[in-house]
Amino acid sequence: MQILTATDYNRLREGGRVIEADGFGDKVIILQDGTFLKLFRRKRLLTSELIWPYAMRFAENAHALIQRGIPTVEIKSVYKIPSIERTGVHYRPLAGDTLRTWLGECNDLERQHLVRDLGRFIAWLHRSGVYFRSLHMGNILRMPDERFGLIDISDMRCHNYSLSETSRLRNFRHMTRYRDDIKLLGDSTAILAESYNDMAGSSKGFQQKLDKLLADALAE
């Protein structure tokens, strides 16, 4: 992790545009060259951030995804910025639009095609040992070559083994908490479950649980 002085930090972000912020300050800045600077603050006095900074997690997760052949952002640098009490990760963004955007604009036939591919993609993640807690339509991009990729990858664990069915179902449960995304999927949730199970080789018991989880989420 590189130490970034106040002068170097101000030089780096000069001419950039803040696209995400909260009451504590800037969170994401698009720099002049089109790359992104994502900033992380320590939220509690005693936290794992002291040992494993969020910026480092982000960078390590990107590396782990790339090793698995899963498209994601390209890390340029990881910083510690004492002058603003932040860590930061400088990265080149992934080309494409979020599935949230695609699903909001496509017709029924296009939606079915997208959702079928989405089911296969999530199965690929799980078989590759990727537990992406922030799995939702705003964090999955459809790239110009029609592949899917992941962004905002801080909240993730990458294992050297396929996820258990318990973990897989828990990950889907996280996804169903995004009610607007479920509405965008609509009746295609059945296609999502079918394509996922075909790719993942799910047990009959898991298939029944996933079908019920998605159906209940759609009904709410």
Protein backbone atom coordinates (compact mmCIF):
# COMPACT_ATOMS: atom_id res chain seq x y z
CA MET A 1 0.00 0.00 0.00
CA GLN A 2 1.46 3.33 -1.11
CA ILE A 3 1.45 6.35 1.21
CA LEU A 4 -0.10 9.30 -0.58
CA THR A 5 0.82 12.73 0.77
CA ALA A 6 -1.71 15.56 0.91
CA THR A 7 0.03 17.24 -2.03
CA ASP A 8 0.02 14.08 -4.14
CA TYR A 9 -3.59 13.34 -3.23
CA ASN A 10 -4.73 16.81 -4.27
CA ARG A 11 -2.74 16.52 -7.49
CA LEU A 12 -4.28 13.12 -8.25
CA ARG A 13 -7.85 14.26 -7.76
CA GLU A 14 -7.43 17.67 -9.39
CA GLY A 15 -10.09 18.17 -12.05
CA GLY A 16 -11.92 15.01 -10.95
CA ARG A 17 -15.66 14.72 -10.45
CA VAL A 18 -17.21 13.34 -7.26
CA ILE A 19 -19.94 10.84 -8.14
CA GLU A 20 -20.57 9.41 -4.68
CA ALA A 21 -20.31 11.02 -1.24
CA ASP A 22 -21.93 10.94 2.19
CA GLY A 23 -21.95 13.06 5.34
CA PHE A 24 -18.34 12.08 6.03
CA GLY A 25 -16.95 13.16 2.68
CA ASP A 26 -16.16 11.94 -0.83
CA LYS A 27 -16.44 8.23 -1.60
CA VAL A 28 -15.90 7.83 -5.36
CA ILE A 29 -14.20 10.27 -7.73
CA ILE A 30 -13.88 10.02 -11.50
CA LEU A 31 -10.42 11.37 -12.31
CA GLN A 32 -9.52 13.40 -15.38
CA ASP A 33 -8.25 10.38 -17.28
CA GLY A 34 -11.49 8.44 -16.74
CA THR A 35 -10.11 6.18 -14.00
CA PHE A 36 -11.79 5.98 -10.60
CA LEU A 37 -10.58 6.67 -7.07
CA LYS A 38 -12.64 4.92 -4.40
CA LEU A 39 -12.10 6.08 -0.82
CA PHE A 40 -12.70 4.12 2.38
CA ARG A 41 -12.96 5.40 5.93
CA ARG A 42 -12.61 3.50 9.19
CA LYS A 43 -16.13 3.40 10.64
CA ARG A 44 -15.30 2.16 14.14
CA LEU A 45 -12.37 2.57 16.53
CA LEU A 46 -11.78 -1.17 16.74
CA THR A 47 -12.34 -2.83 13.38
CA SER A 48 -10.73 -5.31 11.00
CA GLU A 49 -9.98 -2.25 8.82
CA LEU A 50 -6.91 -1.76 11.04
CA ILE A 51 -5.46 -5.10 9.94
CA TRP A 52 -7.00 -5.55 6.50
CA PRO A 53 -7.96 -2.15 5.00
CA TYR A 54 -11.02 -2.08 2.76
CA ALA A 55 -8.97 -0.68 -0.12
CA MET A 56 -6.66 -3.69 0.11
CA ARG A 57 -9.63 -6.06 0.22
CA PHE A 58 -11.02 -4.44 -2.91
CA ALA A 59 -7.71 -4.88 -4.74
CA GLU A 60 -7.23 -8.46 -3.56
CA ASN A 61 -10.77 -9.36 -4.58
CA ALA A 62 -10.14 -7.94 -8.05
CA HIS A 63 -7.02 -10.09 -8.33
CA ALA A 64 -8.89 -13.19 -7.15
CA LEU A 65 -11.67 -12.64 -9.68
CA ILE A 66 -9.24 -12.14 -12.55
CA GLN A 67 -7.46 -15.37 -11.57
CA ARG A 68 -10.82 -17.12 -11.95
CA GLY A 69 -11.48 -15.53 -15.34
CA ILE A 70 -14.26 -13.30 -14.00
CA PRO A 71 -14.19 -9.79 -15.50
CA THR A 72 -13.82 -6.93 -13.04
CA VAL A 73 -12.05 -3.58 -12.61
CA GLU A 74 -8.32 -3.16 -13.29
CA ILE A 75 -6.40 -2.07 -10.20
CA LYS A 76 -3.78 0.64 -10.73
CA SER A 77 -2.74 1.52 -7.14
CA VAL A 78 -3.77 1.13 -3.51
CA TYR A 79 -3.20 4.08 -1.20
CA LYS A 80 -3.09 5.10 2.41
CA ILE A 81 -3.95 8.81 2.65
CA PRO A 82 -3.16 10.07 6.19
CA SER A 83 -4.18 13.68 5.50
CA ILE A 84 -7.85 12.70 5.12
CA GLU A 85 -7.71 9.51 7.24
CA ARG A 86 -8.70 7.32 4.32
CA THR A 87 -7.44 4.43 2.29
CA GLY A 88 -8.10 4.43 -1.43
CA VAL A 89 -8.01 2.24 -4.49
CA HIS A 90 -7.30 3.67 -7.93
CA TYR A 91 -8.74 1.57 -10.72
CA ARG A 92 -9.77 1.49 -14.35
CA PRO A 93 -13.51 0.84 -14.59
CA LEU A 94 -15.11 -2.06 -16.38
CA ALA A 95 -16.80 -1.14 -19.66
CA GLY A 96 -20.53 -1.75 -19.85
CA ASP A 97 -23.86 -0.94 -18.22
CA THR A 98 -25.42 -2.43 -15.11
CA LEU A 99 -28.01 -5.16 -15.42
CA ARG A 100 -30.33 -2.81 -13.55
CA THR A 101 -30.11 -0.46 -16.54
CA TRP A 102 -30.47 -3.25 -19.10
CA LEU A 103 -33.45 -4.85 -17.40
CA GLY A 104 -35.17 -1.50 -17.09
CA GLU A 105 -34.95 -0.88 -20.83
CA CYS A 106 -35.26 -4.27 -22.54
CA ASN A 107 -38.33 -6.05 -23.91
CA ASP A 108 -39.65 -9.36 -22.59
CA LEU A 109 -37.64 -11.53 -24.97
CA GLU A 110 -34.42 -9.66 -24.25
CA ARG A 111 -35.13 -9.90 -20.51
CA GLN A 112 -35.49 -13.67 -20.71
CA HIS A 113 -32.19 -13.93 -22.58
CA LEU A 114 -30.41 -11.72 -20.04
CA VAL A 115 -31.82 -13.56 -17.05
CA ARG A 116 -30.89 -16.94 -18.48
CA ASP A 117 -27.30 -15.76 -18.89
CA LEU A 118 -27.44 -14.23 -15.40
CA GLY A 119 -28.37 -17.57 -13.86
CA ARG A 120 -25.39 -19.22 -15.54
CA PHE A 121 -23.11 -16.38 -14.42
CA ILE A 122 -24.14 -16.64 -10.76
CA ALA A 123 -23.64 -20.41 -10.92
CA TRP A 124 -20.15 -19.80 -12.31
CA LEU A 125 -19.40 -17.45 -9.41
CA HIS A 126 -20.55 -19.99 -6.84
CA ARG A 127 -18.73 -22.88 -8.49
CA SER A 128 -15.60 -20.70 -8.53
CA GLY A 129 -15.87 -20.14 -4.77
CA VAL A 130 -17.02 -16.51 -5.00
CA TYR A 131 -19.40 -15.33 -2.27
CA PHE A 132 -20.42 -11.82 -3.32
CA ARG A 133 -22.53 -10.43 -0.50
CA SER A 134 -23.43 -7.32 -2.53
CA LEU A 135 -24.86 -9.41 -5.37
CA HIS A 136 -27.49 -7.23 -7.04
CA MET A 137 -28.32 -5.86 -10.47
CA GLY A 138 -26.41 -2.63 -9.84
CA ASN A 139 -23.12 -4.48 -9.26
CA ILE A 140 -23.26 -6.75 -12.32
CA LEU A 141 -22.31 -5.20 -15.66
CA ARG A 142 -23.11 -6.42 -19.14
CA MET A 143 -20.02 -5.67 -21.17
CA PRO A 144 -19.86 -4.72 -24.88
CA ASP A 145 -18.91 -8.33 -25.72
CA GLU A 146 -22.06 -9.47 -23.82
CA ARG A 147 -20.12 -11.07 -20.98
CA PHE A 148 -20.96 -10.20 -17.39
CA GLY A 149 -18.55 -8.61 -14.93
CA LEU A 150 -18.54 -7.41 -11.32
CA ILE A 151 -18.01 -4.00 -9.74
CA ASP A 152 -18.05 -2.64 -6.17
CA ILE A 153 -16.31 -5.79 -4.97
CA SER A 154 -15.26 -4.87 -1.40
CA ASP A 155 -17.82 -7.11 0.30
CA MET A 156 -16.70 -10.45 -1.08
CA ARG A 157 -14.95 -13.68 -0.14
CA CYS A 158 -13.17 -15.86 -2.68
CA HIS A 159 -12.59 -19.45 -1.62
CA ASN A 160 -10.54 -22.22 -3.18
CA TYR A 161 -13.59 -24.47 -3.30
CA SER A 162 -17.13 -24.31 -4.61
CA LEU A 163 -19.68 -22.79 -2.26
CA SER A 164 -21.89 -25.10 -0.28
CA GLU A 165 -25.59 -25.11 -1.11
CA THR A 166 -26.25 -23.38 2.21
CA SER A 167 -23.94 -20.50 1.22
CA ARG A 168 -25.43 -20.37 -2.26
CA LEU A 169 -28.93 -20.04 -0.92
CA ARG A 170 -27.79 -17.39 1.57
CA ASN A 171 -26.26 -15.41 -1.30
CA PHE A 172 -29.54 -15.53 -3.23
CA ARG A 173 -31.33 -14.40 -0.08
CA HIS A 174 -29.13 -11.30 -0.01
CA MET A 175 -30.05 -10.64 -3.63
CA THR A 176 -33.80 -10.87 -2.99
CA ARG A 177 -33.57 -8.02 -0.46
CA TYR A 178 -33.29 -5.64 -3.40
CA ARG A 179 -37.03 -5.50 -4.11
CA ASP A 180 -36.78 -3.20 -7.12
CA ASP A 181 -34.39 -5.65 -8.77
CA ILE A 182 -36.79 -8.53 -8.20
CA LYS A 183 -39.55 -6.48 -9.82
CA LEU A 184 -37.29 -5.89 -12.82
CA LEU A 185 -36.74 -9.64 -13.12
CA GLY A 186 -40.48 -10.26 -12.89
CA ASP A 187 -41.69 -13.66 -14.05
CA SER A 188 -38.19 -14.34 -15.38
CA THR A 189 -37.14 -15.37 -11.87
CA ALA A 190 -38.22 -18.88 -12.88
CA ILE A 191 -35.77 -18.75 -15.79
CA LEU A 192 -33.07 -17.49 -13.42
CA ALA A 193 -33.56 -20.49 -11.12
CA GLU A 194 -33.70 -22.96 -14.01
CA SER A 195 -30.54 -21.74 -15.73
CA TYR A 196 -28.69 -21.48 -12.42
CA ASN A 197 -29.59 -25.03 -11.40
CA ASP A 198 -28.68 -26.44 -14.82
CA MET A 199 -25.23 -24.85 -14.63
CA ALA A 200 -24.65 -25.53 -10.94
CA GLY A 201 -25.91 -29.11 -10.92
CA SER A 202 -28.04 -28.33 -7.87
CA SER A 203 -29.67 -31.02 -5.77
CA LYS A 204 -33.45 -31.43 -5.92
CA GLY A 205 -33.77 -30.06 -2.40
CA PHE A 206 -31.81 -26.93 -3.28
CA GLN A 207 -33.88 -26.37 -6.42
CA GLN A 208 -37.07 -26.45 -4.38
CA LYS A 209 -35.69 -23.99 -1.82
CA LEU A 210 -34.44 -21.59 -4.49
CA ASP A 211 -37.74 -21.72 -6.37
CA LYS A 212 -39.62 -20.90 -3.18
CA LEU A 213 -37.23 -18.11 -2.20
CA LEU A 214 -37.56 -16.36 -5.56
CA ALA A 215 -41.31 -16.91 -5.79
CA ASP A 216 -41.84 -15.50 -2.28
CA ALA A 217 -39.66 -12.47 -3.09
CA LEU A 218 -41.61 -11.79 -6.27
CA ALA A 219 -44.92 -12.05 -4.42
CA GLU A 220 -43.97 -9.48 -1.76
